Amino acid sequence: GAARRGIVSGPPQHPLRPAESVVGFVAMLVSCLGPAAWVLAHLDNYKKRE
């Protein structure tokens, strides 16, 4: 039915190309490590305010 439309079992119908996998991996890496790297890079600015 229409309710089960998004649920698909079995192998992917359109396998990901290596480039798509790399783009997804880089996006996740930046979203996880980006904020932490930004804070560490600006740590001196936080210390000067106190």
PDB file of N, CA and C in Angstrom:
ATOM      1  N   GLY A   1       0.814  -1.194   0.000  1.00  0.00           N
ATOM      2  CA  GLY A   1       0.000   0.000   0.000  1.00  0.00           C
ATOM      3  C   GLY A   1       0.855   1.255   0.000  1.00  0.00           C
ATOM      4  N   ALA A   2       0.191   2.375   0.040  1.00  0.00           N
ATOM      5  CA  ALA A   2       0.882   3.666   0.019  1.00  0.00           C
ATOM      6  C   ALA A   2       1.632   3.926   1.314  1.00  0.00           C
ATOM      7  N   ALA A   3       1.163   3.337   2.412  1.00  0.00           N
ATOM      8  CA  ALA A   3       1.806   3.576   3.706  1.00  0.00           C
ATOM      9  C   ALA A   3       3.192   2.937   3.762  1.00  0.00           C
ATOM     10  N   ARG A   4       3.397   1.858   3.033  1.00  0.00           N
ATOM     11  CA  ARG A   4       4.681   1.153   3.079  1.00  0.00           C
ATOM     12  C   ARG A   4       5.591   1.550   1.928  1.00  0.00           C
ATOM     13  N   ARG A   5       5.294   2.638   1.281  1.00  0.00           N
ATOM     14  CA  ARG A   5       6.023   3.036   0.085  1.00  0.00           C
ATOM     15  C   ARG A   5       7.520   3.245   0.339  1.00  0.00           C
ATOM     16  N   GLY A   6       7.901   3.853   1.478  1.00  0.00           N
ATOM     17  CA  GLY A   6       9.301   4.157   1.750  1.00  0.00           C
ATOM     18  C   GLY A   6      10.104   2.978   2.268  1.00  0.00           C
ATOM     19  N   ILE A   7       9.450   1.872   2.579  1.00  0.00           N
ATOM     20  CA  ILE A   7      10.153   0.714   3.141  1.00  0.00           C
ATOM     21  C   ILE A   7      10.475  -0.256   2.008  1.00  0.00           C
ATOM     22  N   VAL A   8      11.764  -0.480   1.785  1.00  0.00           N
ATOM     23  CA  VAL A   8      12.195  -1.388   0.721  1.00  0.00           C
ATOM     24  C   VAL A   8      13.167  -2.379   1.330  1.00  0.00           C
ATOM     25  N   SER A   9      12.925  -3.660   1.102  1.00  0.00           N
ATOM     26  CA  SER A   9      13.861  -4.662   1.597  1.00  0.00           C
ATOM     27  C   SER A   9      14.699  -5.173   0.436  1.00  0.00           C
ATOM     28  N   GLY A  10      15.881  -5.636   0.758  1.00  0.00           N
ATOM     29  CA  GLY A  10      16.759  -6.169  -0.266  1.00  0.00           C
ATOM     30  C   GLY A  10      17.879  -5.208  -0.590  1.00  0.00           C
ATOM     31  N   PRO A  11      18.669  -5.544  -1.591  1.00  0.00           N
ATOM     32  CA  PRO A  11      19.805  -4.683  -1.966  1.00  0.00           C
ATOM     33  C   PRO A  11      19.303  -3.362  -2.549  1.00  0.00           C
ATOM     34  N   PRO A  12      20.140  -2.338  -2.543  1.00  0.00           N
ATOM     35  CA  PRO A  12      19.707  -1.040  -3.081  1.00  0.00           C
ATOM     36  C   PRO A  12      19.386  -1.138  -4.573  1.00  0.00           C
ATOM     37  N   GLN A  13      18.353  -0.399  -4.979  1.00  0.00           N
ATOM     38  CA  GLN A  13      17.966  -0.415  -6.394  1.00  0.00           C
ATOM     39  C   GLN A  13      18.968   0.359  -7.241  1.00  0.00           C
ATOM     40  N   HIS A  14      19.567   1.405  -6.660  1.00  0.00           N
ATOM     41  CA  HIS A  14      20.578   2.208  -7.351  1.00  0.00           C
ATOM     42  C   HIS A  14      21.798   2.303  -6.440  1.00  0.00           C
ATOM     43  N   PRO A  15      22.779   1.418  -6.591  1.00  0.00           N
ATOM     44  CA  PRO A  15      23.960   1.462  -5.708  1.00  0.00           C
ATOM     45  C   PRO A  15      24.676   2.810  -5.800  1.00  0.00           C
ATOM     46  N   LEU A  16      25.234   3.248  -4.680  1.00  0.00           N
ATOM     47  CA  LEU A  16      25.953   4.521  -4.647  1.00  0.00           C
ATOM     48  C   LEU A  16      27.277   4.404  -5.388  1.00  0.00           C
ATOM     49  N   ARG A  17      27.612   5.467  -6.102  1.00  0.00           N
ATOM     50  CA  ARG A  17      28.920   5.529  -6.748  1.00  0.00           C
ATOM     51  C   ARG A  17      29.936   5.954  -5.695  1.00  0.00           C
ATOM     52  N   PRO A  18      31.211   5.661  -5.912  1.00  0.00           N
ATOM     53  CA  PRO A  18      32.238   6.063  -4.937  1.00  0.00           C
ATOM     54  C   PRO A  18      32.232   7.564  -4.666  1.00  0.00           C
ATOM     55  N   ALA A  19      31.976   8.375  -5.684  1.00  0.00           N
ATOM     56  CA  ALA A  19      31.968   9.828  -5.485  1.00  0.00           C
ATOM     57  C   ALA A  19      30.849  10.237  -4.532  1.00  0.00           C
ATOM     58  N   GLU A  20      29.688   9.607  -4.648  1.00  0.00           N
ATOM     59  CA  GLU A  20      28.574   9.929  -3.756  1.00  0.00           C
ATOM     60  C   GLU A  20      28.895   9.524  -2.320  1.00  0.00           C
ATOM     61  N   SER A  21      29.557   8.392  -2.166  1.00  0.00           N
ATOM     62  CA  SER A  21      29.954   7.959  -0.828  1.00  0.00           C
ATOM     63  C   SER A  21      30.948   8.939  -0.215  1.00  0.00           C
ATOM     64  N   VAL A  22      31.894   9.421  -1.004  1.00  0.00           N
ATOM     65  CA  VAL A  22      32.890  10.371  -0.506  1.00  0.00           C
ATOM     66  C   VAL A  22      32.217  11.674  -0.100  1.00  0.00           C
ATOM     67  N   VAL A  23      31.289  12.164  -0.912  1.00  0.00           N
ATOM     68  CA  VAL A  23      30.587  13.409  -0.586  1.00  0.00           C
ATOM     69  C   VAL A  23      29.809  13.251   0.713  1.00  0.00           C
ATOM     70  N   GLY A  24      29.124  12.146   0.877  1.00  0.00           N
ATOM     71  CA  GLY A  24      28.378  11.908   2.108  1.00  0.00           C
ATOM     72  C   GLY A  24      29.286  11.805   3.315  1.00  0.00           C
ATOM     73  N   PHE A  25      30.411  11.117   3.167  1.00  0.00           N
ATOM     74  CA  PHE A  25      31.349  10.966   4.278  1.00  0.00           C
ATOM     75  C   PHE A  25      31.946  12.306   4.679  1.00  0.00           C
ATOM     76  N   VAL A  26      32.328  13.116   3.692  1.00  0.00           N
ATOM     77  CA  VAL A  26      32.908  14.432   3.982  1.00  0.00           C
ATOM     78  C   VAL A  26      31.872  15.329   4.654  1.00  0.00           C
ATOM     79  N   ALA A  27      30.629  15.271   4.200  1.00  0.00           N
ATOM     80  CA  ALA A  27      29.579  16.090   4.803  1.00  0.00           C
ATOM     81  C   ALA A  27      29.369  15.716   6.267  1.00  0.00           C
ATOM     82  N   MET A  28      29.360  14.425   6.569  1.00  0.00           N
ATOM     83  CA  MET A  28      29.186  13.996   7.958  1.00  0.00           C
ATOM     84  C   MET A  28      30.400  14.376   8.797  1.00  0.00           C
ATOM     85  N   LEU A  29      31.589  14.253   8.234  1.00  0.00           N
ATOM     86  CA  LEU A  29      32.810  14.597   8.955  1.00  0.00           C
ATOM     87  C   LEU A  29      32.829  16.081   9.309  1.00  0.00           C
ATOM     88  N   VAL A  30      32.483  16.926   8.345  1.00  0.00           N
ATOM     89  CA  VAL A  30      32.483  18.372   8.582  1.00  0.00           C
ATOM     90  C   VAL A  30      31.412  18.746   9.599  1.00  0.00           C
ATOM     91  N   SER A  31      30.237  18.117   9.513  1.00  0.00           N
ATOM     92  CA  SER A  31      29.167  18.474  10.437  1.00  0.00           C
ATOM     93  C   SER A  31      29.479  18.027  11.861  1.00  0.00           C
ATOM     94  N   CYS A  32      30.263  16.980  12.023  1.00  0.00           N
ATOM     95  CA  CYS A  32      30.612  16.506  13.371  1.00  0.00           C
ATOM     96  C   CYS A  32      31.852  17.204  13.923  1.00  0.00           C
ATOM     97  N   LEU A  33      32.888  17.317  13.112  1.00  0.00           N
ATOM     98  CA  LEU A  33      34.157  17.848  13.598  1.00  0.00           C
ATOM     99  C   LEU A  33      34.321  19.342  13.362  1.00  0.00           C
ATOM    100  N   GLY A  34      33.531  19.918  12.478  1.00  0.00           N
ATOM    101  CA  GLY A  34      33.643  21.340  12.173  1.00  0.00           C
ATOM    102  C   GLY A  34      33.462  22.238  13.382  1.00  0.00           C
ATOM    103  N   PRO A  35      32.354  22.094  14.120  1.00  0.00           N
ATOM    104  CA  PRO A  35      32.162  22.955  15.295  1.00  0.00           C
ATOM    105  C   PRO A  35      33.260  22.786  16.349  1.00  0.00           C
ATOM    106  N   ALA A  36      33.696  21.568  16.581  1.00  0.00           N
ATOM    107  CA  ALA A  36      34.752  21.340  17.566  1.00  0.00           C
ATOM    108  C   ALA A  36      36.059  21.984  17.110  1.00  0.00           C
ATOM    109  N   ALA A  37      36.375  21.872  15.834  1.00  0.00           N
ATOM    110  CA  ALA A  37      37.595  22.490  15.315  1.00  0.00           C
ATOM    111  C   ALA A  37      37.517  24.008  15.400  1.00  0.00           C
ATOM    112  N   TRP A  38      36.324  24.560  15.159  1.00  0.00           N
ATOM    113  CA  TRP A  38      36.160  26.023  15.223  1.00  0.00           C
ATOM    114  C   TRP A  38      36.389  26.516  16.650  1.00  0.00           C
ATOM    115  N   VAL A  39      35.821  25.814  17.625  1.00  0.00           N
ATOM    116  CA  VAL A  39      36.001  26.212  19.028  1.00  0.00           C
ATOM    117  C   VAL A  39      37.468  26.110  19.415  1.00  0.00           C
ATOM    118  N   LEU A  40      38.137  25.030  19.037  1.00  0.00           N
ATOM    119  CA  LEU A  40      39.548  24.880  19.385  1.00  0.00           C
ATOM    120  C   LEU A  40      40.399  25.951  18.712  1.00  0.00           C
ATOM    121  N   ALA A  41      40.055  26.330  17.488  1.00  0.00           N
ATOM    122  CA  ALA A  41      40.828  27.348  16.783  1.00  0.00           C
ATOM    123  C   ALA A  41      40.648  28.723  17.414  1.00  0.00           C
ATOM    124  N   HIS A  42      39.496  28.969  18.057  1.00  0.00           N
ATOM    125  CA  HIS A  42      39.208  30.277  18.646  1.00  0.00           C
ATOM    126  C   HIS A  42      39.289  30.255  20.169  1.00  0.00           C
ATOM    127  N   LEU A  43      39.984  29.275  20.717  1.00  0.00           N
ATOM    128  CA  LEU A  43      40.066  29.132  22.168  1.00  0.00           C
ATOM    129  C   LEU A  43      40.728  30.343  22.818  1.00  0.00           C
ATOM    130  N   ASP A  44      41.724  30.913  22.162  1.00  0.00           N
ATOM    131  CA  ASP A  44      42.396  32.093  22.722  1.00  0.00           C
ATOM    132  C   ASP A  44      41.432  33.266  22.847  1.00  0.00           C
ATOM    133  N   ASN A  45      40.510  33.407  21.908  1.00  0.00           N
ATOM    134  CA  ASN A  45      39.532  34.493  21.985  1.00  0.00           C
ATOM    135  C   ASN A  45      38.653  34.345  23.220  1.00  0.00           C
ATOM    136  N   TYR A  46      38.292  33.121  23.557  1.00  0.00           N
ATOM    137  CA  TYR A  46      37.467  32.899  24.739  1.00  0.00           C
ATOM    138  C   TYR A  46      38.256  33.191  26.014  1.00  0.00           C
ATOM    139  N   LYS A  47      39.542  32.870  26.016  1.00  0.00           N
ATOM    140  CA  LYS A  47      40.367  33.115  27.204  1.00  0.00           C
ATOM    141  C   LYS A  47      40.565  34.610  27.443  1.00  0.00           C
ATOM    142  N   LYS A  48      40.664  35.408  26.394  1.00  0.00           N
ATOM    143  CA  LYS A  48      40.912  36.845  26.536  1.00  0.00           C
ATOM    144  C   LYS A  48      39.710  37.583  27.108  1.00  0.00           C
ATOM    145  N   ARG A  49      38.508  37.066  26.921  1.00  0.00           N
ATOM    146  CA  ARG A  49      37.309  37.759  27.390  1.00  0.00           C
ATOM    147  C   ARG A  49      37.204  37.770  28.905  1.00  0.00           C
ATOM    148  N   GLU A  50      37.781  36.791  29.563  1.00  0.00           N
ATOM    149  CA  GLU A  50      37.637  36.692  31.026  1.00  0.00           C
ATOM    150  C   GLU A  50      38.599  37.607  31.755  1.00  0.00           C
TER     151      GLU A  50
END
